[in-house]
Protein backbone atom coordinates (compact mmCIF):
# COMPACT_ATOMS: atom_id res chain seq x y z
CA MET A 1 71.09 96.28 59.71
CA THR A 2 71.26 92.67 60.83
CA GLN A 3 68.43 90.20 60.43
CA GLN A 4 67.98 90.14 64.20
CA GLU A 5 67.66 93.94 64.37
CA LEU A 6 65.25 93.97 61.45
CA PHE A 7 63.04 91.28 62.98
CA ALA A 8 63.07 93.06 66.37
CA LEU A 9 61.86 96.25 64.69
CA ALA A 10 59.17 94.31 62.80
CA ARG A 11 58.02 92.71 66.06
CA SER A 12 57.80 96.13 67.70
CA LEU A 13 55.28 97.07 64.99
CA GLY A 14 53.39 93.80 64.49
CA THR A 15 54.16 90.09 64.33
CA VAL A 16 56.63 87.88 62.48
CA SER A 17 55.43 84.51 61.24
CA TYR A 18 56.67 81.67 59.05
CA PRO A 19 53.55 80.65 57.09
CA PHE A 20 55.10 78.44 54.42
CA GLU A 21 55.65 74.84 55.53
CA SER A 22 57.90 74.10 52.56
CA ASP A 23 60.01 77.22 53.26
CA PRO A 24 60.75 77.69 56.98
CA GLU A 25 63.11 80.64 56.38
CA THR A 26 60.70 82.99 54.61
CA ALA A 27 59.17 85.31 57.21
CA VAL A 28 56.11 87.50 56.89
CA PHE A 29 55.72 90.72 58.88
CA ARG A 30 52.04 91.30 59.70
CA HIS A 31 49.66 93.62 61.47
CA GLY A 32 48.74 91.19 64.27
CA GLU A 33 48.45 87.43 63.94
CA ARG A 34 46.21 87.39 60.86
CA GLY A 35 46.60 90.94 59.66
CA ARG A 36 47.89 92.33 56.39
CA TRP A 37 51.47 91.86 55.38
CA PHE A 38 53.77 94.86 55.70
CA GLY A 39 56.97 93.02 54.86
CA VAL A 40 58.39 89.74 53.61
CA TRP A 41 61.88 88.40 54.35
CA LEU A 42 62.78 85.96 51.58
CA ASN A 43 65.66 84.30 49.78
CA VAL A 44 66.08 85.96 46.38
CA PRO A 45 67.99 84.32 43.51
CA GLY A 46 71.22 86.13 42.74
CA ARG A 47 70.29 86.41 39.07
CA TYR A 48 67.62 88.95 40.12
CA PHE A 49 70.48 91.18 41.27
CA GLY A 50 72.69 90.35 38.30
CA GLY A 51 74.83 87.82 40.14
CA GLN A 52 74.93 84.23 41.26
CA GLY A 53 73.85 82.30 44.32
CA SER A 54 71.13 83.88 46.43
CA GLU A 55 70.66 86.24 49.34
CA PHE A 56 67.96 87.22 51.78
CA ALA A 57 66.21 90.50 51.13
CA LEU A 58 63.18 92.40 52.36
CA ASN A 59 60.06 93.25 50.35
CA LEU A 60 58.19 96.35 51.52
CA LYS A 61 55.17 98.31 50.31
CA CYS A 62 56.08 101.68 48.83
CA PRO A 63 54.28 104.36 46.80
CA PRO A 64 55.28 104.14 43.11
CA GLU A 65 56.64 107.70 42.94
CA LEU A 66 58.85 107.12 46.00
CA SER A 67 59.93 103.74 44.70
CA ALA A 68 61.34 105.29 41.53
CA MET A 69 63.31 107.88 43.52
CA LEU A 70 64.66 105.27 45.93
CA ARG A 71 65.82 103.02 43.09
CA GLN A 72 67.75 105.95 41.61
CA ASN A 73 69.43 106.79 44.93
CA PHE A 74 70.16 103.33 46.37
CA ALA A 75 71.74 100.43 44.48
CA GLY A 76 70.20 98.12 47.10
CA ILE A 77 66.58 99.00 46.28
CA LEU A 78 64.89 97.35 43.31
CA PRO A 79 61.38 96.60 42.05
CA ALA A 80 59.99 93.87 44.28
CA TYR A 81 60.95 90.29 43.64
CA HIS A 82 57.88 88.03 43.32
CA MET A 83 55.38 90.80 44.20
CA ASN A 84 53.64 93.74 42.52
CA LYS A 85 56.55 95.80 41.22
CA ALA A 86 54.56 99.04 41.11
CA HIS A 87 53.68 99.00 44.81
CA TRP A 88 56.42 96.94 46.46
CA ILE A 89 60.22 97.19 46.57
CA THR A 90 63.00 94.74 47.40
CA VAL A 91 65.60 96.06 49.84
CA ARG A 92 69.04 94.49 50.09
CA PRO A 93 69.93 95.27 53.74
CA ALA A 94 73.70 95.16 53.21
CA LEU A 95 73.46 97.95 50.61
CA VAL A 96 70.97 100.34 52.23
CA PRO A 97 71.65 102.44 55.36
CA ARG A 98 69.96 101.27 58.54
CA GLU A 99 68.07 104.55 59.00
CA GLU A 100 66.56 104.23 55.52
CA ILE A 101 65.47 100.65 56.15
CA GLU A 102 63.83 101.70 59.42
CA LYS A 103 61.93 104.51 57.66
CA LEU A 104 60.84 102.21 54.84
CA LEU A 105 59.66 99.49 57.23
CA ARG A 106 57.56 102.00 59.17
CA LEU A 107 56.19 103.46 55.92
CA SER A 108 55.21 99.99 54.71
CA PHE A 109 53.52 99.34 58.05
CA ASP A 110 51.53 102.58 57.72
CA LEU A 111 50.60 101.95 54.09
CA THR A 112 49.22 98.50 54.87
CA ALA A 113 47.37 99.44 58.05
CA PRO A 114 43.70 98.48 58.11
CA ALA A 115 41.38 101.28 57.02
CA ARG A 116 39.82 103.17 59.89
CA ARG A 117 36.07 103.41 59.90
């Protein structure tokens, strides 16, 4: 899945913003303009993946029990970089099938939806 495809899907669910002045490439996927985050597109140091350099990856909310299963089945899914590792995952788009990324993005959107009263 390309960055453009990923961002288009995120926009179909909510909004994409760039809230960090010092980092114009990190994007936050939100429920509406000021809503909760359901995803973060960020540059992750390669050492986090056991390599060098850096690459962009996607952080998504995920139930802990599903997270463990996903990490066993996909080399491109890890505990979240720079977020709560029990409830968020980091997805390396080049290593995870498009269909799985789409499902995980929608799941994250649902998990972070505002509570209904």
